[in-house]
Protein backbone atom coordinates (compact mmCIF):
# COMPACT_ATOMS: atom_id res chain seq x y z
CA MET A 1 5.97 15.60 -9.74
CA THR A 2 5.35 11.52 -8.72
CA LYS A 3 8.15 9.74 -10.25
CA LYS A 4 6.87 6.25 -11.49
CA VAL A 5 9.23 3.29 -10.80
CA LEU A 6 7.88 0.08 -12.85
CA LEU A 7 9.65 -3.66 -11.22
CA VAL A 8 9.90 -5.87 -13.02
CA CYS A 9 10.18 -10.04 -12.36
CA GLY A 10 9.41 -13.35 -14.49
CA ALA A 11 5.42 -13.34 -13.70
CA GLY A 12 5.23 -10.40 -11.90
CA ALA A 13 4.23 -11.92 -8.81
CA SER A 14 6.76 -11.34 -6.60
CA SER A 15 7.42 -8.00 -8.04
CA GLY A 16 4.03 -7.42 -7.05
CA PHE A 17 4.42 -8.07 -3.46
CA MET A 18 7.69 -5.66 -3.56
CA ALA A 19 5.79 -3.04 -5.16
CA ALA A 20 2.90 -3.66 -2.66
CA ALA A 21 5.72 -3.21 0.12
CA ALA A 22 7.09 -0.30 -1.35
CA ARG A 23 3.75 1.54 -1.65
CA LYS A 24 3.06 1.39 2.23
CA ALA A 25 6.63 2.47 2.69
CA VAL A 26 5.85 5.71 0.57
CA LYS A 27 2.89 6.38 2.81
CA LYS A 28 4.92 6.46 5.95
CA LEU A 29 8.07 8.00 4.16
CA GLY A 30 5.64 11.07 2.00
CA ALA A 31 7.82 9.93 -0.98
CA ASP A 32 6.39 11.14 -4.35
CA ILE A 33 6.79 7.80 -6.20
CA GLU A 34 4.55 5.42 -7.76
CA PHE A 35 5.44 1.61 -7.77
CA LYS A 36 3.46 -0.40 -10.20
CA ALA A 37 5.05 -4.96 -11.26
CA LYS A 38 4.82 -6.34 -14.35
CA CYS A 39 5.87 -9.61 -15.97
CA GLU A 40 8.75 -9.22 -18.01
CA SER A 41 6.70 -9.26 -21.05
CA GLU A 42 4.97 -5.96 -20.48
CA LEU A 43 7.77 -4.27 -20.17
CA GLY A 44 7.46 -2.57 -23.80
CA GLU A 45 4.09 -1.31 -23.29
CA HIS A 46 5.15 0.70 -19.94
CA LEU A 47 8.69 1.62 -20.65
CA ASN A 48 7.41 5.79 -22.17
CA SER A 49 5.30 5.97 -19.37
CA ILE A 50 7.90 5.27 -16.47
CA ASP A 51 11.01 7.20 -14.86
CA LEU A 52 12.86 4.42 -13.67
CA LEU A 53 13.09 0.63 -14.24
CA LEU A 54 14.11 -1.79 -11.62
CA VAL A 55 14.02 -5.05 -11.92
CA ALA A 56 14.28 -8.33 -9.92
CA PRO A 57 17.75 -9.44 -9.16
CA HIS A 58 17.19 -12.77 -10.61
CA LEU A 59 16.66 -11.21 -13.92
CA LYS A 60 20.09 -9.33 -13.51
CA TYR A 61 20.57 -10.79 -17.28
CA MET A 62 17.71 -8.88 -18.73
CA ILE A 63 19.63 -5.55 -17.82
CA ASP A 64 21.91 -5.47 -20.73
CA ASP A 65 18.48 -6.17 -22.88
CA VAL A 66 16.73 -3.27 -21.50
CA LYS A 67 19.95 -0.83 -21.76
CA GLY A 68 19.19 0.46 -24.99
CA PRO A 69 15.18 0.73 -25.03
CA CYS A 70 15.74 2.25 -21.37
CA GLU A 71 18.53 4.93 -22.88
CA ALA A 72 16.67 5.52 -25.43
CA ALA A 73 13.02 6.73 -23.91
CA GLY A 74 15.05 8.50 -21.22
CA VAL A 75 14.06 6.04 -18.19
CA LYS A 76 16.64 5.54 -15.99
CA TYR A 77 17.23 1.74 -15.06
CA GLY A 78 18.77 -0.60 -12.13
CA ILE A 79 18.82 -4.06 -10.50
CA ILE A 80 16.65 -4.49 -6.77
CA PRO A 81 19.24 -5.18 -4.86
CA GLN A 82 18.85 -9.45 -3.48
CA ARG A 83 18.71 -8.35 0.38
CA VAL A 84 15.58 -5.94 -0.32
CA TYR A 85 14.04 -8.52 -2.40
CA GLY A 86 14.48 -11.36 -0.60
CA SER A 87 13.05 -9.54 2.48
CA LEU A 88 10.23 -7.15 0.38
CA ASP A 89 12.01 -4.13 2.69
CA GLY A 90 9.30 -1.67 1.32
CA GLN A 91 11.67 1.21 2.82
CA GLY A 92 14.92 -0.61 1.74
CA LEU A 93 13.19 -0.22 -2.67
CA VAL A 94 12.61 3.63 -2.27
CA LYS A 95 15.75 4.36 -1.20
CA VAL A 96 17.19 2.30 -3.89
CA ALA A 97 14.72 4.15 -5.89
CA THR A 98 15.39 7.60 -5.25
CA GLU A 99 18.68 7.31 -5.32
CA ILE A 100 19.20 5.95 -9.11
CA LEU A 101 16.34 8.66 -9.85
CA GLU A 102 18.68 11.29 -7.97
CA GLY A 103 21.19 10.39 -10.53
CA GLY A 104 23.00 7.99 -8.41
CA GLU A 105 24.64 4.32 -9.72
CA GLN A 106 22.60 2.84 -12.35
């Protein structure tokens, strides 16, 4: 079953580039993950349809706000590492998402 990952940044632009890089990496790696990007204000509308929420590193202060709703919805969450986000490393993002989805660190 395809896992759905939502990337969130302030306005949705930089996470859009990140999601595009991750989608390319998914094709190359053959991973069963779907990446989408939204701005933070749209988060509530999408929480019940995702498996993992990844927050841009510059919004890590948001984690405390999303922890409760994510746990209530059964959604895993994490922060995109700065090195992955800063270099738009799609393969790195797929690796981070896979590790969290498989029960790694949050």
